Amino acid sequence: MSATVSEQKMIRHPIIEDFLACVCASFLMALGVMFFKEVGLLTGGAAGIALIIDQLTNLSFGQAFALLNLPFYILAWFRMSKRFTINSVICVVLISIVVDQLHFLVSLENIDPIFAALMGGSMMGISLIMLFRHQSSAGGLGVLALFLQDKFGIRAGKFQMAADVMILVASFFLVSPYLLVLSVVGAIVLNVHIALNHKPGRYNITG
């Protein structure tokens, strides 16, 4: 069920609030990605693919993440709102830059893989909720997930969880079974946050 006109007016944030949310969420997402990178965990979506590319090629996470999101900008521009697309582009650029440069600001000498999976997944999930509620996303499958939720009522969290698990299973030969299990745990934590806190009708993304 789509939001009513009064609900859309109530949830529409000023541009400055959208910008601040994008900045905060992008840094939170980057920190979650850093946790995963430090212990060799993978995740789903474009971020997961970017982590794999970062391991196998000379491209950095940020470079791969930015390139992978290009096709989804087209989908967002023609099928969703222009404001959503512009906000998403800003967030993807911020995340790409911050992840690649965060090591100048943060140094992690030791982090437990289980903690990294739980906290990293939570930070990424919470950051995505922030973005969704401010007419934005981190690009990639998040754009497709929001489009399917808005148009067909398919829960974004459930769709993204299924897609993430498929990507992680395909990464079986890249990490040890232990890290693969923790990667799945991290992906589940991320998507549980979205499934519980971002439901159809609460926020409209096409207005």
Protein backbone atom coordinates (compact mmCIF):
# COMPACT_ATOMS: atom_id res chain seq x y z
CA MET A 1 0.00 0.00 0.00
CA SER A 2 1.47 3.37 -0.98
CA ALA A 3 1.55 6.31 1.41
CA THR A 4 -1.24 8.87 1.32
CA VAL A 5 -0.61 12.47 0.26
CA SER A 6 -0.61 13.64 3.88
CA GLU A 7 1.83 10.88 4.84
CA GLN A 8 4.16 11.82 1.96
CA LYS A 9 4.18 15.45 3.12
CA MET A 10 4.87 14.38 6.69
CA ILE A 11 7.88 12.24 5.79
CA ARG A 12 9.46 14.53 3.19
CA HIS A 13 12.64 15.93 4.71
CA PRO A 14 14.27 19.27 3.83
CA ILE A 15 17.28 19.00 1.52
CA ILE A 16 19.70 19.91 4.32
CA GLU A 17 18.38 17.01 6.43
CA ASP A 18 18.79 14.65 3.48
CA PHE A 19 22.37 15.84 3.02
CA LEU A 20 23.29 15.41 6.69
CA ALA A 21 21.71 11.94 6.73
CA CYS A 22 23.66 10.98 3.60
CA VAL A 23 26.94 12.09 5.16
CA CYS A 24 26.32 10.32 8.49
CA ALA A 25 25.02 7.15 6.85
CA SER A 26 27.90 7.07 4.36
CA PHE A 27 30.50 7.24 7.15
CA LEU A 28 28.62 4.58 9.13
CA MET A 29 28.47 2.34 6.04
CA ALA A 30 32.17 2.90 5.38
CA LEU A 31 33.05 1.90 8.94
CA GLY A 32 30.98 -1.28 8.61
CA VAL A 33 32.76 -2.13 5.36
CA MET A 34 36.09 -1.48 7.06
CA PHE A 35 35.22 -3.99 9.80
CA PHE A 36 34.47 -6.60 7.15
CA LYS A 37 37.63 -5.87 5.18
CA GLU A 38 39.86 -6.05 8.24
CA VAL A 39 38.93 -9.67 8.98
CA GLY A 40 38.30 -10.83 5.40
CA LEU A 41 34.51 -11.05 5.55
CA LEU A 42 32.30 -10.63 2.50
CA THR A 43 28.80 -9.28 2.18
CA GLY A 44 26.04 -9.15 -0.41
CA GLY A 45 24.98 -6.61 -2.98
CA ALA A 46 27.29 -4.27 -4.83
CA ALA A 47 29.40 -3.85 -1.69
CA GLY A 48 30.03 -7.59 -1.56
CA ILE A 49 30.98 -7.74 -5.22
CA ALA A 50 33.25 -4.72 -4.69
CA LEU A 51 34.97 -6.50 -1.78
CA ILE A 52 35.60 -9.51 -4.02
CA ILE A 53 37.00 -7.29 -6.79
CA ASP A 54 39.18 -5.55 -4.19
CA GLN A 55 40.66 -8.94 -3.26
CA LEU A 56 41.17 -10.23 -6.80
CA THR A 57 42.22 -7.14 -8.78
CA ASN A 58 44.15 -3.90 -8.50
CA LEU A 59 40.95 -1.91 -8.16
CA SER A 60 40.18 -0.56 -4.71
CA PHE A 61 36.83 -1.12 -3.03
CA GLY A 62 35.80 2.46 -3.73
CA GLN A 63 36.66 2.27 -7.42
CA ALA A 64 34.84 -1.04 -7.89
CA PHE A 65 31.83 0.11 -5.87
CA ALA A 66 31.43 3.29 -7.91
CA LEU A 67 31.69 1.44 -11.24
CA LEU A 68 29.27 -1.32 -10.24
CA ASN A 69 26.59 1.20 -9.38
CA LEU A 70 26.50 2.92 -12.78
CA PRO A 71 23.74 0.66 -14.26
CA PHE A 72 21.54 1.16 -11.20
CA TYR A 73 21.63 4.94 -11.61
CA ILE A 74 19.86 4.46 -14.94
CA LEU A 75 17.14 2.35 -13.32
CA ALA A 76 16.71 4.87 -10.52
CA TRP A 77 16.57 7.85 -12.90
CA PHE A 78 13.85 6.44 -15.14
CA ARG A 79 11.83 4.35 -12.67
CA MET A 80 12.16 6.30 -9.42
CA SER A 81 12.39 9.95 -8.43
CA LYS A 82 15.12 12.30 -9.63
CA ARG A 83 15.73 13.37 -6.05
CA PHE A 84 16.26 9.75 -5.01
CA THR A 85 18.74 9.23 -7.85
CA ILE A 86 20.77 12.35 -7.09
CA ASN A 87 20.89 11.55 -3.37
CA SER A 88 21.98 7.98 -4.14
CA VAL A 89 24.77 9.15 -6.45
CA ILE A 90 26.05 11.48 -3.72
CA CYS A 91 26.00 8.66 -1.16
CA VAL A 92 27.76 6.15 -3.42
CA VAL A 93 30.50 8.69 -4.18
CA LEU A 94 30.89 9.47 -0.47
CA ILE A 95 31.03 5.80 0.51
CA SER A 96 33.54 5.04 -2.26
CA ILE A 97 35.84 7.85 -1.17
CA VAL A 98 35.51 7.33 2.59
CA VAL A 99 36.13 3.56 2.49
CA ASP A 100 39.34 4.06 0.50
CA GLN A 101 40.58 6.88 2.76
CA LEU A 102 39.29 5.76 6.16
CA HIS A 103 42.59 4.10 7.05
CA PHE A 104 44.06 7.62 7.44
CA LEU A 105 41.52 8.30 10.21
CA VAL A 106 40.98 4.91 11.85
CA SER A 107 43.44 2.15 12.71
CA LEU A 108 42.19 -1.26 13.86
CA GLU A 109 44.98 -3.30 15.43
CA ASN A 110 42.71 -6.16 16.46
CA ILE A 111 39.07 -7.00 15.87
CA ASP A 112 37.30 -10.26 16.59
CA PRO A 113 35.70 -11.71 13.42
CA ILE A 114 32.43 -12.49 15.24
CA PHE A 115 32.21 -8.93 16.55
CA ALA A 116 33.08 -7.61 13.09
CA ALA A 117 30.25 -9.64 11.54
CA LEU A 118 27.66 -8.56 14.11
CA MET A 119 28.65 -4.92 14.48
CA GLY A 120 29.68 -4.40 10.85
CA GLY A 121 26.40 -5.88 9.65
CA SER A 122 24.47 -3.73 12.13
CA MET A 123 26.23 -0.53 11.08
CA MET A 124 25.60 -1.20 7.41
CA GLY A 125 21.97 -2.12 8.04
CA ILE A 126 21.32 0.99 10.14
CA SER A 127 23.04 3.19 7.57
CA LEU A 128 20.81 1.80 4.82
CA ILE A 129 17.68 2.51 6.88
CA MET A 130 18.87 6.10 7.33
CA LEU A 131 19.37 6.42 3.59
CA PHE A 132 16.01 4.85 2.69
CA ARG A 133 14.22 7.28 4.99
CA HIS A 134 15.89 10.25 3.36
CA GLN A 135 15.03 9.47 -0.27
CA SER A 136 18.35 7.75 -0.92
CA SER A 137 20.23 4.44 -1.01
CA ALA A 138 23.73 3.02 -1.27
CA GLY A 139 22.99 2.06 -4.87
CA GLY A 140 23.33 -1.46 -6.23
CA LEU A 141 20.73 -4.01 -5.25
CA GLY A 142 19.32 -1.53 -2.74
CA VAL A 143 17.88 0.47 -5.64
CA LEU A 144 16.30 -2.64 -7.13
CA ALA A 145 15.02 -3.75 -3.71
CA LEU A 146 13.35 -0.39 -3.08
CA PHE A 147 11.88 -0.34 -6.58
CA LEU A 148 10.34 -3.80 -6.10
CA GLN A 149 8.99 -2.83 -2.69
CA ASP A 150 7.48 0.41 -3.95
CA LYS A 151 5.93 -1.08 -7.08
CA PHE A 152 5.02 -4.62 -6.05
CA GLY A 153 5.03 -4.62 -2.24
CA ILE A 154 7.96 -7.06 -2.03
CA ARG A 155 9.74 -6.37 1.27
CA ALA A 156 13.10 -4.77 0.58
CA GLY A 157 14.78 -6.63 3.42
CA LYS A 158 13.59 -10.05 2.30
CA PHE A 159 14.58 -9.48 -1.33
CA GLN A 160 18.00 -8.16 -0.41
CA MET A 161 18.58 -10.99 2.06
CA ALA A 162 17.89 -13.59 -0.64
CA ALA A 163 20.16 -11.80 -3.12
CA ASP A 164 22.93 -11.41 -0.52
CA VAL A 165 22.88 -15.09 0.42
CA MET A 166 23.18 -16.04 -3.28
CA ILE A 167 26.22 -13.77 -3.69
CA LEU A 168 27.85 -15.16 -0.54
CA VAL A 169 27.29 -18.76 -1.63
CA ALA A 170 28.95 -17.92 -4.95
CA SER A 171 31.96 -16.67 -2.93
CA PHE A 172 32.51 -20.09 -1.33
CA PHE A 173 35.97 -20.55 -2.88
CA LEU A 174 37.26 -17.12 -1.85
CA VAL A 175 37.13 -17.42 1.93
CA SER A 176 37.44 -20.15 4.54
CA PRO A 177 34.24 -21.92 5.66
CA TYR A 178 34.49 -20.13 9.02
CA LEU A 179 34.66 -16.68 7.43
CA LEU A 180 31.93 -17.64 4.97
CA VAL A 181 29.61 -18.56 7.85
CA LEU A 182 30.40 -15.27 9.59
CA SER A 183 29.82 -13.42 6.31
CA VAL A 184 26.37 -14.98 6.09
CA VAL A 185 25.72 -14.00 9.71
CA GLY A 186 26.75 -10.42 8.93
CA ALA A 187 24.45 -10.32 5.89
CA ILE A 188 21.54 -11.68 7.94
CA VAL A 189 22.12 -9.08 10.67
CA LEU A 190 22.20 -6.33 8.05
CA ASN A 191 18.98 -7.42 6.39
CA VAL A 192 17.11 -8.14 9.62
CA HIS A 193 17.61 -4.49 10.53
CA ILE A 194 16.07 -3.47 7.21
CA ALA A 195 13.24 -6.01 7.32
CA LEU A 196 12.19 -4.96 10.82
CA ASN A 197 12.53 -1.21 10.39
CA HIS A 198 11.73 -0.41 6.76
CA LYS A 199 8.26 -1.54 5.72
CA PRO A 200 6.04 -0.63 2.73
CA GLY A 201 3.88 2.44 3.22
CA ARG A 202 5.97 4.08 5.92
CA TYR A 203 8.17 6.01 3.51
CA ASN A 204 7.45 6.77 -0.15
CA ILE A 205 10.47 6.94 -2.49
CA THR A 206 8.96 7.94 -5.82
CA GLY A 207 7.47 11.30 -4.95
